[in-house]
Each structure stands twice: as structure tokens, then as C-alpha cells.
Amino acid sequence: MSAKEYALDAKKSKGNNDHITDPLPTPMVVTAATDGRIETAWVYENCPITVSDRTFLVDLICVHLKSMDVILGMDWLSANSVYLGCKKKIVFIPPENMAEGEVISASLDNS
């Protein structure tokens, strides 16, 4: 995955034109296994994230995590027909031109 350094402290990003934050309507509390409960009030809207040579625009919620740069949620994975092969620890992101029904068979063929 590549993304500009979006895991910035919201205070540091103010005034930096590469990192424009918007306040969330209400603060969000995120529970992370590594860091416990984290509250945030900032979002980076429409950030380009490149995964497997495809660029997606993603709204990134700004949270401070020690061991991860970006977390893509289940809603995002589902909306983009991403296949997670937990047993073999694979992630399959289909090409843009692949029909939804082709995703599972292609993922299984590639594993």
C-alpha cells in the first residue's frame, strides 16, 4: 500500500496544503486491539490510496496507532469486492474491469 503520510497529528497538518483535515460532525471513538480506545475528531477526505496498482479515494479517520499506517474497514473492502483468504493469508483486489461474480473464482484460482 502506498499513501502519502496521512498518519499525521492533526495539529501538525494544519497549514500543510498536502494534508487538509475536516472536523467530523461528532467525535468518533475507535477501539483498537493494540491501543485501546482512541477518540478522534478529524478526517482526511478523498485521500488517494494505491493498492495493487489501483488508486482509490478513501476518507481516512485520523487516529494515532502504533503498529499500523492505514486500516481499510469491512465496508470499504465489501464495496470494492475485496476477497480475504484468511487461511492462506491472502488479499485479492480485483481489477477494475472484473465483474463481481468473477472475484471469488479468480481469488481461489490465484491462491
N, C-alpha and C. Protein backbone atom coordinates (compact mmCIF):
# COMPACT_ATOMS: atom_id res chain seq x y z
N MET A 1 0.83 -1.17 0.00
CA MET A 1 0.00 0.00 0.00
C MET A 1 0.87 1.23 0.00
N SER A 2 0.46 2.22 -0.72
CA SER A 2 1.18 3.47 -0.62
C SER A 2 0.19 4.58 -0.40
N ALA A 3 0.54 5.47 0.44
CA ALA A 3 -0.29 6.65 0.70
C ALA A 3 0.65 7.71 1.21
N LYS A 4 0.37 8.94 0.88
CA LYS A 4 1.18 10.00 1.47
C LYS A 4 1.04 9.86 2.97
N GLU A 5 1.88 10.48 3.68
CA GLU A 5 1.89 10.31 5.13
C GLU A 5 0.64 10.94 5.74
N TYR A 6 -0.44 10.17 5.77
CA TYR A 6 -1.69 10.67 6.30
C TYR A 6 -1.83 10.40 7.79
N ALA A 7 -0.92 9.61 8.34
CA ALA A 7 -0.99 9.33 9.77
C ALA A 7 -0.26 10.44 10.53
N LEU A 8 -0.72 11.65 10.33
CA LEU A 8 -0.11 12.81 10.97
C LEU A 8 -0.94 13.27 12.15
N ASP A 9 -0.29 13.93 13.05
CA ASP A 9 -1.01 14.59 14.13
C ASP A 9 -1.82 15.72 13.50
N ALA A 10 -3.10 15.79 13.81
CA ALA A 10 -3.98 16.80 13.20
C ALA A 10 -3.44 18.21 13.42
N LYS A 11 -2.82 18.47 14.56
CA LYS A 11 -2.28 19.81 14.83
C LYS A 11 -1.13 20.13 13.87
N LYS A 12 -0.29 19.14 13.58
CA LYS A 12 0.84 19.36 12.68
C LYS A 12 0.37 19.57 11.25
N SER A 13 -0.75 18.96 10.87
CA SER A 13 -1.18 19.03 9.48
C SER A 13 -1.83 20.36 9.13
N LYS A 14 -2.28 21.12 10.11
CA LYS A 14 -2.89 22.42 9.81
C LYS A 14 -1.85 23.32 9.16
N GLY A 15 -2.24 23.94 8.05
CA GLY A 15 -1.32 24.79 7.33
C GLY A 15 -0.50 24.06 6.28
N ASN A 16 -0.57 22.74 6.26
CA ASN A 16 0.13 21.94 5.25
C ASN A 16 -0.88 21.62 4.16
N ASN A 17 -0.71 22.18 2.97
CA ASN A 17 -1.70 22.02 1.90
C ASN A 17 -1.82 20.59 1.40
N ASP A 18 -0.83 19.74 1.67
CA ASP A 18 -0.92 18.35 1.25
C ASP A 18 -1.85 17.54 2.14
N HIS A 19 -2.15 18.04 3.31
CA HIS A 19 -2.94 17.30 4.30
C HIS A 19 -4.04 18.20 4.84
N ILE A 20 -5.17 18.19 4.19
CA ILE A 20 -6.27 19.05 4.61
C ILE A 20 -7.23 18.22 5.44
N THR A 21 -7.44 18.63 6.68
CA THR A 21 -8.35 17.89 7.55
C THR A 21 -9.66 18.64 7.67
N ASP A 22 -10.70 17.87 7.87
CA ASP A 22 -12.02 18.43 8.15
C ASP A 22 -12.48 17.84 9.47
N PRO A 23 -13.17 18.63 10.28
CA PRO A 23 -13.69 18.07 11.53
C PRO A 23 -14.86 17.13 11.26
N LEU A 24 -14.94 16.07 12.03
CA LEU A 24 -16.10 15.18 11.97
C LEU A 24 -17.27 15.89 12.64
N PRO A 25 -18.51 15.59 12.22
CA PRO A 25 -19.68 16.22 12.86
C PRO A 25 -19.72 15.96 14.36
N THR A 26 -19.37 14.74 14.75
CA THR A 26 -19.25 14.39 16.17
C THR A 26 -17.99 13.54 16.32
N PRO A 27 -17.26 13.67 17.42
CA PRO A 27 -16.05 12.87 17.60
C PRO A 27 -16.37 11.37 17.52
N MET A 28 -15.41 10.62 17.02
CA MET A 28 -15.57 9.17 16.87
C MET A 28 -14.63 8.48 17.84
N VAL A 29 -15.11 7.41 18.47
CA VAL A 29 -14.27 6.60 19.34
C VAL A 29 -13.99 5.29 18.62
N VAL A 30 -12.71 4.97 18.48
CA VAL A 30 -12.28 3.75 17.81
C VAL A 30 -11.63 2.87 18.86
N THR A 31 -11.97 1.58 18.84
CA THR A 31 -11.33 0.64 19.74
C THR A 31 -10.36 -0.20 18.93
N ALA A 32 -9.09 -0.14 19.28
CA ALA A 32 -8.06 -0.90 18.58
C ALA A 32 -7.42 -1.87 19.55
N ALA A 33 -7.19 -3.09 19.08
CA ALA A 33 -6.62 -4.12 19.95
C ALA A 33 -5.26 -3.70 20.50
N THR A 34 -4.49 -2.97 19.71
CA THR A 34 -3.15 -2.60 20.15
C THR A 34 -3.11 -1.36 21.03
N ASP A 35 -4.08 -0.46 20.85
CA ASP A 35 -4.00 0.83 21.55
C ASP A 35 -5.21 1.16 22.42
N GLY A 36 -6.15 0.25 22.56
CA GLY A 36 -7.34 0.54 23.36
C GLY A 36 -8.27 1.53 22.69
N ARG A 37 -8.98 2.33 23.48
CA ARG A 37 -9.94 3.30 22.94
C ARG A 37 -9.24 4.60 22.55
N ILE A 38 -9.55 5.05 21.33
CA ILE A 38 -8.95 6.28 20.80
C ILE A 38 -10.07 7.17 20.31
N GLU A 39 -10.07 8.42 20.73
CA GLU A 39 -11.09 9.37 20.25
C GLU A 39 -10.46 10.30 19.23
N THR A 40 -11.20 10.58 18.16
CA THR A 40 -10.72 11.49 17.13
C THR A 40 -11.84 12.38 16.64
N ALA A 41 -11.48 13.52 16.13
CA ALA A 41 -12.48 14.45 15.60
C ALA A 41 -12.12 14.92 14.19
N TRP A 42 -11.14 14.23 13.55
CA TRP A 42 -10.65 14.70 12.26
C TRP A 42 -10.73 13.62 11.19
N VAL A 43 -10.95 14.05 9.95
CA VAL A 43 -10.99 13.14 8.80
C VAL A 43 -10.22 13.79 7.65
N TYR A 44 -9.50 12.98 6.90
CA TYR A 44 -8.88 13.40 5.64
C TYR A 44 -9.79 12.87 4.55
N GLU A 45 -10.50 13.75 3.86
CA GLU A 45 -11.47 13.31 2.85
C GLU A 45 -10.82 13.12 1.49
N ASN A 46 -11.30 12.08 0.80
CA ASN A 46 -10.87 11.78 -0.58
C ASN A 46 -9.36 11.66 -0.73
N CYS A 47 -8.73 10.90 0.15
CA CYS A 47 -7.29 10.67 0.06
C CYS A 47 -7.03 9.56 -0.96
N PRO A 48 -6.08 9.77 -1.87
CA PRO A 48 -5.76 8.69 -2.81
C PRO A 48 -4.90 7.63 -2.13
N ILE A 49 -5.36 6.39 -2.18
CA ILE A 49 -4.63 5.25 -1.64
C ILE A 49 -4.42 4.29 -2.81
N THR A 50 -3.18 3.85 -3.03
CA THR A 50 -2.90 2.92 -4.11
C THR A 50 -2.66 1.54 -3.53
N VAL A 51 -3.45 0.57 -3.99
CA VAL A 51 -3.36 -0.81 -3.57
C VAL A 51 -3.38 -1.66 -4.83
N SER A 52 -2.40 -2.52 -5.01
CA SER A 52 -2.33 -3.40 -6.18
C SER A 52 -2.51 -2.63 -7.48
N ASP A 53 -1.79 -1.56 -7.63
CA ASP A 53 -1.82 -0.72 -8.85
C ASP A 53 -3.16 -0.07 -9.14
N ARG A 54 -4.06 -0.05 -8.18
CA ARG A 54 -5.32 0.68 -8.33
C ARG A 54 -5.36 1.78 -7.31
N THR A 55 -5.84 2.94 -7.72
CA THR A 55 -5.94 4.07 -6.80
C THR A 55 -7.39 4.27 -6.42
N PHE A 56 -7.62 4.35 -5.11
CA PHE A 56 -8.96 4.53 -4.56
C PHE A 56 -8.97 5.84 -3.79
N LEU A 57 -10.10 6.52 -3.78
CA LEU A 57 -10.27 7.69 -2.92
C LEU A 57 -10.96 7.23 -1.65
N VAL A 58 -10.34 7.49 -0.53
CA VAL A 58 -10.80 6.97 0.75
C VAL A 58 -10.87 8.12 1.75
N ASP A 59 -11.90 8.13 2.59
CA ASP A 59 -11.96 9.07 3.71
C ASP A 59 -11.23 8.42 4.88
N LEU A 60 -10.11 8.98 5.28
CA LEU A 60 -9.32 8.42 6.36
C LEU A 60 -9.62 9.15 7.66
N ILE A 61 -9.98 8.39 8.67
CA ILE A 61 -10.21 8.93 10.00
C ILE A 61 -8.84 9.00 10.68
N CYS A 62 -8.51 10.14 11.22
CA CYS A 62 -7.19 10.37 11.81
C CYS A 62 -7.15 9.81 13.23
N VAL A 63 -6.41 8.72 13.41
CA VAL A 63 -6.19 8.15 14.74
C VAL A 63 -4.70 7.83 14.88
N HIS A 64 -4.23 7.84 16.08
CA HIS A 64 -2.83 7.53 16.36
C HIS A 64 -2.72 6.05 16.70
N LEU A 65 -2.09 5.29 15.82
CA LEU A 65 -1.87 3.86 16.05
C LEU A 65 -0.37 3.60 16.03
N LYS A 66 0.06 2.70 16.89
CA LYS A 66 1.49 2.43 16.98
C LYS A 66 1.99 1.48 15.90
N SER A 67 1.16 0.54 15.48
CA SER A 67 1.68 -0.52 14.62
C SER A 67 1.06 -0.58 13.22
N MET A 68 0.22 0.38 12.85
CA MET A 68 -0.40 0.36 11.53
C MET A 68 -0.43 1.75 10.94
N ASP A 69 -0.35 1.81 9.60
CA ASP A 69 -0.43 3.10 8.92
C ASP A 69 -1.85 3.40 8.48
N VAL A 70 -2.51 2.41 7.87
CA VAL A 70 -3.86 2.60 7.34
C VAL A 70 -4.67 1.34 7.62
N ILE A 71 -5.90 1.52 8.05
CA ILE A 71 -6.82 0.39 8.22
C ILE A 71 -7.97 0.61 7.26
N LEU A 72 -8.21 -0.35 6.37
CA LEU A 72 -9.35 -0.29 5.46
C LEU A 72 -10.45 -1.14 6.08
N GLY A 73 -11.58 -0.54 6.35
CA GLY A 73 -12.67 -1.21 7.05
C GLY A 73 -13.43 -2.21 6.20
N MET A 74 -14.25 -3.01 6.86
CA MET A 74 -15.03 -4.04 6.18
C MET A 74 -15.99 -3.44 5.16
N ASP A 75 -16.56 -2.28 5.44
CA ASP A 75 -17.47 -1.65 4.47
C ASP A 75 -16.72 -1.31 3.19
N TRP A 76 -15.51 -0.79 3.31
CA TRP A 76 -14.71 -0.45 2.13
C TRP A 76 -14.32 -1.71 1.37
N LEU A 77 -13.87 -2.73 2.10
CA LEU A 77 -13.48 -3.99 1.46
C LEU A 77 -14.65 -4.60 0.70
N SER A 78 -15.82 -4.59 1.30
CA SER A 78 -17.02 -5.13 0.66
C SER A 78 -17.42 -4.32 -0.57
N ALA A 79 -17.42 -3.01 -0.45
CA ALA A 79 -17.81 -2.15 -1.57
C ALA A 79 -16.89 -2.30 -2.77
N ASN A 80 -15.65 -2.72 -2.53
CA ASN A 80 -14.68 -2.89 -3.61
C ASN A 80 -14.43 -4.35 -3.96
N SER A 81 -15.32 -5.24 -3.49
CA SER A 81 -15.28 -6.68 -3.81
C SER A 81 -13.94 -7.32 -3.48
N VAL A 82 -13.33 -6.91 -2.38
CA VAL A 82 -12.05 -7.47 -1.98
C VAL A 82 -12.28 -8.83 -1.33
N TYR A 83 -11.45 -9.81 -1.70
CA TYR A 83 -11.55 -11.15 -1.14
C TYR A 83 -10.43 -11.33 -0.11
N LEU A 84 -10.78 -11.74 1.10
CA LEU A 84 -9.80 -12.04 2.14
C LEU A 84 -9.73 -13.54 2.31
N GLY A 85 -8.59 -14.11 2.05
CA GLY A 85 -8.37 -15.54 2.25
C GLY A 85 -7.61 -15.72 3.55
N CYS A 86 -8.33 -15.83 4.65
CA CYS A 86 -7.70 -15.85 5.97
C CYS A 86 -6.78 -17.05 6.17
N LYS A 87 -7.21 -18.23 5.72
CA LYS A 87 -6.41 -19.43 5.94
C LYS A 87 -5.04 -19.31 5.28
N LYS A 88 -5.02 -18.79 4.04
CA LYS A 88 -3.75 -18.65 3.31
C LYS A 88 -3.14 -17.26 3.45
N LYS A 89 -3.81 -16.40 4.21
CA LYS A 89 -3.35 -15.02 4.45
C LYS A 89 -3.13 -14.27 3.15
N ILE A 90 -4.17 -14.26 2.30
CA ILE A 90 -4.09 -13.52 1.04
C ILE A 90 -5.19 -12.48 0.97
N VAL A 91 -4.91 -11.43 0.23
CA VAL A 91 -5.89 -10.38 -0.06
C VAL A 91 -5.93 -10.25 -1.57
N PHE A 92 -7.12 -10.37 -2.15
CA PHE A 92 -7.27 -10.24 -3.60
C PHE A 92 -8.13 -9.02 -3.89
N ILE A 93 -7.55 -8.05 -4.58
CA ILE A 93 -8.28 -6.86 -5.01
C ILE A 93 -8.46 -6.98 -6.50
N PRO A 94 -9.70 -7.13 -6.95
CA PRO A 94 -9.94 -7.38 -8.38
C PRO A 94 -9.61 -6.17 -9.25
N PRO A 95 -9.22 -6.43 -10.50
CA PRO A 95 -9.03 -5.33 -11.44
C PRO A 95 -10.36 -4.60 -11.66
N GLU A 96 -10.29 -3.37 -12.11
CA GLU A 96 -11.50 -2.56 -12.29
C GLU A 96 -12.50 -3.19 -13.25
N ASN A 97 -12.03 -3.89 -14.26
CA ASN A 97 -12.94 -4.43 -15.27
C ASN A 97 -13.52 -5.80 -14.91
N MET A 98 -13.23 -6.33 -13.74
CA MET A 98 -13.72 -7.64 -13.35
C MET A 98 -15.13 -7.54 -12.77
N ALA A 99 -16.03 -8.40 -13.26
CA ALA A 99 -17.40 -8.43 -12.74
C ALA A 99 -17.40 -9.01 -11.34
N GLU A 100 -18.38 -8.61 -10.55
CA GLU A 100 -18.45 -9.02 -9.14
C GLU A 100 -18.43 -10.54 -8.99
N GLY A 101 -19.15 -11.26 -9.84
CA GLY A 101 -19.21 -12.72 -9.73
C GLY A 101 -17.90 -13.41 -10.03
N GLU A 102 -17.00 -12.74 -10.73
CA GLU A 102 -15.71 -13.33 -11.09
C GLU A 102 -14.69 -13.25 -9.96
N VAL A 103 -14.94 -12.42 -8.98
CA VAL A 103 -13.94 -12.14 -7.95
C VAL A 103 -13.56 -13.38 -7.16
N ILE A 104 -14.53 -14.12 -6.64
CA ILE A 104 -14.23 -15.28 -5.80
C ILE A 104 -13.49 -16.35 -6.60
N SER A 105 -13.97 -16.69 -7.80
CA SER A 105 -13.29 -17.74 -8.57
C SER A 105 -11.87 -17.32 -8.93
N ALA A 106 -11.66 -16.06 -9.28
CA ALA A 106 -10.31 -15.59 -9.60
C ALA A 106 -9.42 -15.65 -8.37
N SER A 107 -9.96 -15.30 -7.20
CA SER A 107 -9.16 -15.33 -5.97
C SER A 107 -8.76 -16.74 -5.63
N LEU A 108 -9.68 -17.67 -5.77
CA LEU A 108 -9.38 -19.06 -5.44
C LEU A 108 -8.38 -19.63 -6.44
N ASP A 109 -8.49 -19.27 -7.70
CA ASP A 109 -7.54 -19.74 -8.72
C ASP A 109 -6.14 -19.23 -8.45
N ASN A 110 -6.02 -18.03 -7.91
CA ASN A 110 -4.71 -17.41 -7.66
C ASN A 110 -4.09 -17.83 -6.34
N SER A 111 -4.82 -18.54 -5.50
CA SER A 111 -4.27 -18.86 -4.17
C SER A 111 -3.45 -20.11 -4.14
